[in-house]
Amino acid sequence: PYVDFGIGAEDQQRNSPTRFLRLLGQELLDFMTWIEPTESERVARRETFQRVKAVVLSIWPSAKVTLFGSSATTLSIASSDIDIAVSELPAEPYPGTNGHLAPIERLHAAIRDQTDLYEPDT
């Protein structure tokens, strides 16, 4: 059935290309609104990045922690992950050398200790 979206008389023919394009355009706008993160989700992403960055810097104060990907470009959708790069770590022995952990294992252990950051099933 015809639904009035405020389109003009020229669009009211059921098979009108103009009507189709207007309805498609509205459908795309509605979809974009539906998939984009809410303000509270954007705040949660920023806070999560800051908390991870704080953990990294507590282990390696001279490290560089960078947000990249869709979260950094504001192109993320509600289900997007958060891409974080950690670089400029100090040279350390690898596992098996004097019992030291690899950097990723040290970071994992530190994040695991932060119960508000650690979700084992994700």
N, C-alpha and C. Protein backbone atom coordinates (compact mmCIF):
# COMPACT_ATOMS: atom_id res chain seq x y z
N PRO A 1 0.82 -1.19 0.00
CA PRO A 1 0.00 0.00 0.00
C PRO A 1 0.86 1.25 0.00
N TYR A 2 0.28 2.30 -0.51
CA TYR A 2 0.99 3.58 -0.59
C TYR A 2 1.08 4.20 0.79
N VAL A 3 2.29 4.63 1.15
CA VAL A 3 2.52 5.32 2.42
C VAL A 3 2.94 6.73 2.09
N ASP A 4 2.31 7.70 2.68
CA ASP A 4 2.63 9.09 2.40
C ASP A 4 3.86 9.52 3.21
N PHE A 5 4.97 9.73 2.52
CA PHE A 5 6.19 10.23 3.13
C PHE A 5 6.37 11.71 2.79
N GLY A 6 5.29 12.36 2.46
CA GLY A 6 5.37 13.77 2.12
C GLY A 6 5.93 14.01 0.74
N ILE A 7 5.79 13.04 -0.15
CA ILE A 7 6.31 13.20 -1.50
C ILE A 7 5.25 13.85 -2.38
N GLY A 8 5.71 14.44 -3.44
CA GLY A 8 4.82 15.19 -4.32
C GLY A 8 3.94 14.30 -5.18
N ALA A 9 3.00 14.94 -5.88
CA ALA A 9 2.03 14.22 -6.71
C ALA A 9 2.73 13.42 -7.80
N GLU A 10 3.89 13.93 -8.31
CA GLU A 10 4.59 13.24 -9.39
C GLU A 10 5.16 11.89 -8.93
N ASP A 11 5.29 11.70 -7.61
CA ASP A 11 5.85 10.46 -7.08
C ASP A 11 4.78 9.45 -6.70
N GLN A 12 3.52 9.81 -6.78
CA GLN A 12 2.48 8.96 -6.22
C GLN A 12 2.13 7.76 -7.08
N GLN A 13 2.63 7.69 -8.27
CA GLN A 13 2.41 6.49 -9.06
C GLN A 13 3.20 5.36 -8.41
N ARG A 14 2.59 4.22 -8.30
CA ARG A 14 3.21 3.10 -7.59
C ARG A 14 4.59 2.74 -8.13
N ASN A 15 4.81 2.77 -9.40
CA ASN A 15 6.08 2.36 -9.99
C ASN A 15 6.95 3.54 -10.40
N SER A 16 6.71 4.68 -9.86
CA SER A 16 7.48 5.87 -10.22
C SER A 16 8.94 5.72 -9.78
N PRO A 17 9.90 5.91 -10.70
CA PRO A 17 11.32 5.85 -10.31
C PRO A 17 11.67 6.91 -9.26
N THR A 18 11.06 8.06 -9.34
CA THR A 18 11.34 9.11 -8.37
C THR A 18 10.87 8.67 -6.98
N ARG A 19 9.69 8.08 -6.92
CA ARG A 19 9.18 7.59 -5.64
C ARG A 19 10.09 6.52 -5.08
N PHE A 20 10.50 5.60 -5.93
CA PHE A 20 11.39 4.53 -5.50
C PHE A 20 12.69 5.10 -4.92
N LEU A 21 13.29 6.05 -5.61
CA LEU A 21 14.55 6.62 -5.15
C LEU A 21 14.39 7.38 -3.84
N ARG A 22 13.28 8.09 -3.69
CA ARG A 22 13.04 8.80 -2.42
C ARG A 22 12.85 7.82 -1.27
N LEU A 23 12.09 6.75 -1.50
CA LEU A 23 11.88 5.76 -0.45
C LEU A 23 13.19 5.02 -0.12
N LEU A 24 13.96 4.71 -1.15
CA LEU A 24 15.26 4.07 -0.92
C LEU A 24 16.17 4.99 -0.13
N GLY A 25 16.20 6.24 -0.47
CA GLY A 25 17.02 7.22 0.26
C GLY A 25 16.62 7.28 1.73
N GLN A 26 15.32 7.29 2.00
CA GLN A 26 14.85 7.32 3.39
C GLN A 26 15.22 6.04 4.11
N GLU A 27 15.11 4.92 3.41
CA GLU A 27 15.48 3.62 4.01
C GLU A 27 16.97 3.60 4.37
N LEU A 28 17.81 4.14 3.53
CA LEU A 28 19.25 4.21 3.81
C LEU A 28 19.54 5.11 5.01
N LEU A 29 18.88 6.23 5.08
CA LEU A 29 19.06 7.13 6.23
C LEU A 29 18.62 6.47 7.53
N ASP A 30 17.49 5.76 7.48
CA ASP A 30 17.02 5.05 8.66
C ASP A 30 18.01 3.96 9.08
N PHE A 31 18.56 3.25 8.10
CA PHE A 31 19.53 2.19 8.40
C PHE A 31 20.79 2.78 9.03
N MET A 32 21.28 3.88 8.50
CA MET A 32 22.47 4.53 9.05
C MET A 32 22.24 4.95 10.50
N THR A 33 21.06 5.49 10.78
CA THR A 33 20.73 5.88 12.14
C THR A 33 20.69 4.67 13.06
N TRP A 34 20.18 3.57 12.55
CA TRP A 34 20.05 2.35 13.35
C TRP A 34 21.40 1.73 13.69
N ILE A 35 22.38 1.75 12.75
CA ILE A 35 23.66 1.07 13.00
C ILE A 35 24.71 1.95 13.66
N GLU A 36 24.55 3.26 13.63
CA GLU A 36 25.60 4.09 14.21
C GLU A 36 25.57 4.00 15.73
N PRO A 37 26.75 4.08 16.36
CA PRO A 37 26.79 4.00 17.82
C PRO A 37 26.05 5.17 18.46
N THR A 38 25.46 4.91 19.60
CA THR A 38 24.83 5.98 20.36
C THR A 38 25.92 6.81 21.04
N GLU A 39 25.57 7.94 21.58
CA GLU A 39 26.54 8.78 22.28
C GLU A 39 27.15 8.02 23.46
N SER A 40 26.34 7.27 24.19
CA SER A 40 26.88 6.52 25.33
C SER A 40 27.85 5.42 24.86
N GLU A 41 27.59 4.83 23.69
CA GLU A 41 28.52 3.83 23.14
C GLU A 41 29.83 4.50 22.71
N ARG A 42 29.74 5.68 22.14
CA ARG A 42 30.97 6.41 21.75
C ARG A 42 31.78 6.77 22.98
N VAL A 43 31.12 7.22 24.04
CA VAL A 43 31.81 7.55 25.29
C VAL A 43 32.46 6.30 25.87
N ALA A 44 31.75 5.18 25.86
CA ALA A 44 32.30 3.93 26.38
C ALA A 44 33.53 3.50 25.60
N ARG A 45 33.54 3.68 24.28
CA ARG A 45 34.71 3.34 23.47
C ARG A 45 35.91 4.22 23.85
N ARG A 46 35.66 5.52 23.98
CA ARG A 46 36.76 6.43 24.35
C ARG A 46 37.32 6.07 25.73
N GLU A 47 36.41 5.80 26.66
CA GLU A 47 36.85 5.45 28.02
C GLU A 47 37.62 4.13 28.03
N THR A 48 37.16 3.16 27.25
CA THR A 48 37.86 1.87 27.17
C THR A 48 39.26 2.07 26.61
N PHE A 49 39.38 2.86 25.55
CA PHE A 49 40.71 3.14 25.00
C PHE A 49 41.59 3.80 26.05
N GLN A 50 41.08 4.77 26.77
CA GLN A 50 41.89 5.47 27.78
C GLN A 50 42.31 4.51 28.89
N ARG A 51 41.44 3.60 29.28
CA ARG A 51 41.79 2.64 30.34
C ARG A 51 42.84 1.66 29.86
N VAL A 52 42.71 1.16 28.63
CA VAL A 52 43.73 0.26 28.08
C VAL A 52 45.06 1.00 27.96
N LYS A 53 45.01 2.24 27.49
CA LYS A 53 46.22 3.04 27.36
C LYS A 53 46.90 3.21 28.73
N ALA A 54 46.11 3.45 29.77
CA ALA A 54 46.68 3.61 31.11
C ALA A 54 47.36 2.33 31.57
N VAL A 55 46.76 1.17 31.27
CA VAL A 55 47.38 -0.10 31.65
C VAL A 55 48.70 -0.28 30.91
N VAL A 56 48.69 -0.01 29.60
CA VAL A 56 49.92 -0.13 28.81
C VAL A 56 51.01 0.76 29.38
N LEU A 57 50.67 2.02 29.65
CA LEU A 57 51.68 2.97 30.14
C LEU A 57 52.13 2.64 31.56
N SER A 58 51.31 1.92 32.32
CA SER A 58 51.75 1.50 33.66
C SER A 58 52.83 0.42 33.56
N ILE A 59 52.82 -0.33 32.46
CA ILE A 59 53.84 -1.37 32.25
C ILE A 59 55.05 -0.80 31.52
N TRP A 60 54.78 -0.04 30.48
CA TRP A 60 55.84 0.53 29.63
C TRP A 60 55.59 2.03 29.49
N PRO A 61 56.11 2.84 30.40
CA PRO A 61 55.84 4.29 30.38
C PRO A 61 56.24 5.00 29.09
N SER A 62 57.18 4.46 28.35
CA SER A 62 57.62 5.13 27.12
C SER A 62 56.91 4.62 25.87
N ALA A 63 55.96 3.70 26.03
CA ALA A 63 55.25 3.13 24.88
C ALA A 63 54.36 4.18 24.22
N LYS A 64 54.09 3.93 22.96
CA LYS A 64 53.15 4.76 22.20
C LYS A 64 51.88 3.93 21.98
N VAL A 65 50.73 4.47 22.38
CA VAL A 65 49.45 3.77 22.27
C VAL A 65 48.58 4.58 21.33
N THR A 66 48.14 3.93 20.25
CA THR A 66 47.42 4.64 19.20
C THR A 66 46.11 3.94 18.87
N LEU A 67 45.06 4.71 18.77
CA LEU A 67 43.76 4.23 18.30
C LEU A 67 43.76 4.33 16.78
N PHE A 68 43.33 3.27 16.10
CA PHE A 68 43.26 3.33 14.64
C PHE A 68 42.01 2.59 14.17
N GLY A 69 41.78 2.58 12.90
CA GLY A 69 40.62 1.89 12.35
C GLY A 69 39.36 2.72 12.44
N SER A 70 38.22 2.04 12.39
CA SER A 70 36.94 2.74 12.29
C SER A 70 36.63 3.58 13.52
N SER A 71 37.10 3.19 14.70
CA SER A 71 36.86 4.01 15.89
C SER A 71 37.61 5.33 15.80
N ALA A 72 38.80 5.30 15.24
CA ALA A 72 39.60 6.52 15.12
C ALA A 72 39.05 7.45 14.05
N THR A 73 38.46 6.88 13.01
CA THR A 73 37.96 7.69 11.91
C THR A 73 36.49 8.06 12.08
N THR A 74 35.90 7.64 13.19
CA THR A 74 34.47 7.83 13.49
C THR A 74 33.56 7.15 12.46
N LEU A 75 34.05 6.09 11.84
CA LEU A 75 33.23 5.33 10.89
C LEU A 75 32.75 4.02 11.49
N SER A 76 32.91 3.85 12.80
CA SER A 76 32.51 2.60 13.42
C SER A 76 30.99 2.49 13.49
N ILE A 77 30.54 1.25 13.55
CA ILE A 77 29.14 0.98 13.79
C ILE A 77 29.02 0.40 15.20
N ALA A 78 27.83 0.21 15.68
CA ALA A 78 27.62 -0.21 17.07
C ALA A 78 28.36 -1.49 17.42
N SER A 79 28.52 -2.41 16.48
CA SER A 79 29.16 -3.69 16.77
C SER A 79 30.66 -3.72 16.43
N SER A 80 31.24 -2.59 16.06
CA SER A 80 32.66 -2.56 15.69
C SER A 80 33.56 -2.82 16.88
N ASP A 81 34.73 -3.36 16.58
CA ASP A 81 35.73 -3.54 17.62
C ASP A 81 36.51 -2.23 17.79
N ILE A 82 37.45 -2.24 18.73
CA ILE A 82 38.31 -1.08 18.96
C ILE A 82 39.73 -1.50 18.62
N ASP A 83 40.33 -0.87 17.62
CA ASP A 83 41.68 -1.20 17.18
C ASP A 83 42.68 -0.32 17.91
N ILE A 84 43.61 -0.97 18.62
CA ILE A 84 44.62 -0.25 19.39
C ILE A 84 45.99 -0.81 19.02
N ALA A 85 46.91 0.07 18.68
CA ALA A 85 48.29 -0.33 18.38
C ALA A 85 49.18 0.12 19.54
N VAL A 86 50.09 -0.76 19.94
CA VAL A 86 51.07 -0.44 20.97
C VAL A 86 52.44 -0.59 20.33
N SER A 87 53.22 0.48 20.38
CA SER A 87 54.54 0.45 19.76
C SER A 87 55.57 1.10 20.67
N GLU A 88 56.80 1.05 20.22
CA GLU A 88 57.94 1.64 20.93
C GLU A 88 58.10 1.06 22.33
N LEU A 89 57.96 -0.28 22.39
CA LEU A 89 58.19 -0.97 23.65
C LEU A 89 59.70 -1.12 23.87
N PRO A 90 60.12 -1.13 25.13
CA PRO A 90 61.54 -1.36 25.40
C PRO A 90 61.92 -2.79 25.05
N ALA A 91 63.16 -3.00 24.68
CA ALA A 91 63.63 -4.35 24.37
C ALA A 91 63.62 -5.19 25.65
N GLU A 92 62.98 -6.34 25.58
CA GLU A 92 62.89 -7.23 26.73
C GLU A 92 63.14 -8.66 26.26
N PRO A 93 63.60 -9.51 27.15
CA PRO A 93 63.76 -10.93 26.78
C PRO A 93 62.41 -11.56 26.47
N TYR A 94 62.41 -12.56 25.61
CA TYR A 94 61.17 -13.28 25.27
C TYR A 94 60.95 -14.46 26.19
N PRO A 95 59.79 -15.10 26.11
CA PRO A 95 59.48 -16.22 26.99
C PRO A 95 60.58 -17.28 26.95
N GLY A 96 60.80 -17.86 28.08
CA GLY A 96 61.82 -18.89 28.17
C GLY A 96 63.18 -18.33 28.53
N THR A 97 63.32 -17.00 28.45
CA THR A 97 64.58 -16.36 28.81
C THR A 97 64.43 -15.76 30.19
N ASN A 98 65.00 -16.37 31.17
CA ASN A 98 64.92 -15.91 32.56
C ASN A 98 63.48 -15.79 33.06
N GLY A 99 62.58 -16.57 32.48
CA GLY A 99 61.21 -16.59 32.96
C GLY A 99 60.38 -15.36 32.62
N HIS A 100 60.85 -14.49 31.72
CA HIS A 100 60.09 -13.29 31.35
C HIS A 100 58.95 -13.65 30.41
N LEU A 101 57.88 -12.89 30.49
CA LEU A 101 56.74 -13.06 29.60
C LEU A 101 56.92 -12.20 28.35
N ALA A 102 56.35 -12.67 27.25
CA ALA A 102 56.32 -11.85 26.03
C ALA A 102 55.46 -10.63 26.32
N PRO A 103 55.69 -9.51 25.62
CA PRO A 103 54.90 -8.30 25.86
C PRO A 103 53.39 -8.54 25.82
N ILE A 104 52.91 -9.32 24.86
CA ILE A 104 51.46 -9.53 24.76
C ILE A 104 50.95 -10.28 25.98
N GLU A 105 51.76 -11.21 26.52
CA GLU A 105 51.35 -11.94 27.72
C GLU A 105 51.34 -11.03 28.94
N ARG A 106 52.31 -10.13 29.03
CA ARG A 106 52.32 -9.17 30.14
C ARG A 106 51.10 -8.26 30.07
N LEU A 107 50.79 -7.79 28.87
CA LEU A 107 49.63 -6.92 28.71
C LEU A 107 48.34 -7.68 29.05
N HIS A 108 48.23 -8.91 28.57
CA HIS A 108 47.05 -9.71 28.87
C HIS A 108 46.88 -9.89 30.38
N ALA A 109 47.96 -10.20 31.07
CA ALA A 109 47.90 -10.39 32.52
C ALA A 109 47.48 -9.09 33.22
N ALA A 110 48.00 -7.97 32.77
CA ALA A 110 47.65 -6.68 33.39
C ALA A 110 46.19 -6.33 33.13
N ILE A 111 45.70 -6.58 31.93
CA ILE A 111 44.29 -6.31 31.62
C ILE A 111 43.40 -7.27 32.39
N ARG A 112 43.81 -8.52 32.51
CA ARG A 112 43.04 -9.50 33.27
C ARG A 112 42.89 -9.06 34.73
N ASP A 113 43.93 -8.41 35.27
CA ASP A 113 43.87 -7.92 36.64
C ASP A 113 42.91 -6.74 36.81
N GLN A 114 42.60 -6.06 35.72
CA GLN A 114 41.63 -4.96 35.75
C GLN A 114 40.26 -5.55 35.46
N THR A 115 39.54 -5.94 36.48
CA THR A 115 38.30 -6.67 36.28
C THR A 115 37.27 -5.91 35.45
N ASP A 116 37.33 -4.58 35.46
CA ASP A 116 36.35 -3.83 34.66
C ASP A 116 36.73 -3.80 33.17
N LEU A 117 37.93 -4.24 32.83
CA LEU A 117 38.35 -4.29 31.43
C LEU A 117 38.31 -5.70 30.86
N TYR A 118 38.30 -6.70 31.71
CA TYR A 118 38.49 -8.07 31.27
C TYR A 118 37.18 -8.81 31.18
N GLU A 119 36.86 -9.31 29.99
CA GLU A 119 35.71 -10.17 29.76
C GLU A 119 36.23 -11.42 29.07
N PRO A 120 36.40 -12.53 29.79
CA PRO A 120 37.06 -13.71 29.24
C PRO A 120 36.43 -14.29 27.99
N ASP A 121 35.15 -14.10 27.76
CA ASP A 121 34.49 -14.71 26.61
C ASP A 121 34.54 -13.85 25.36
N THR A 122 35.19 -12.68 25.42
CA THR A 122 35.22 -11.81 24.24
C THR A 122 36.61 -11.70 23.69
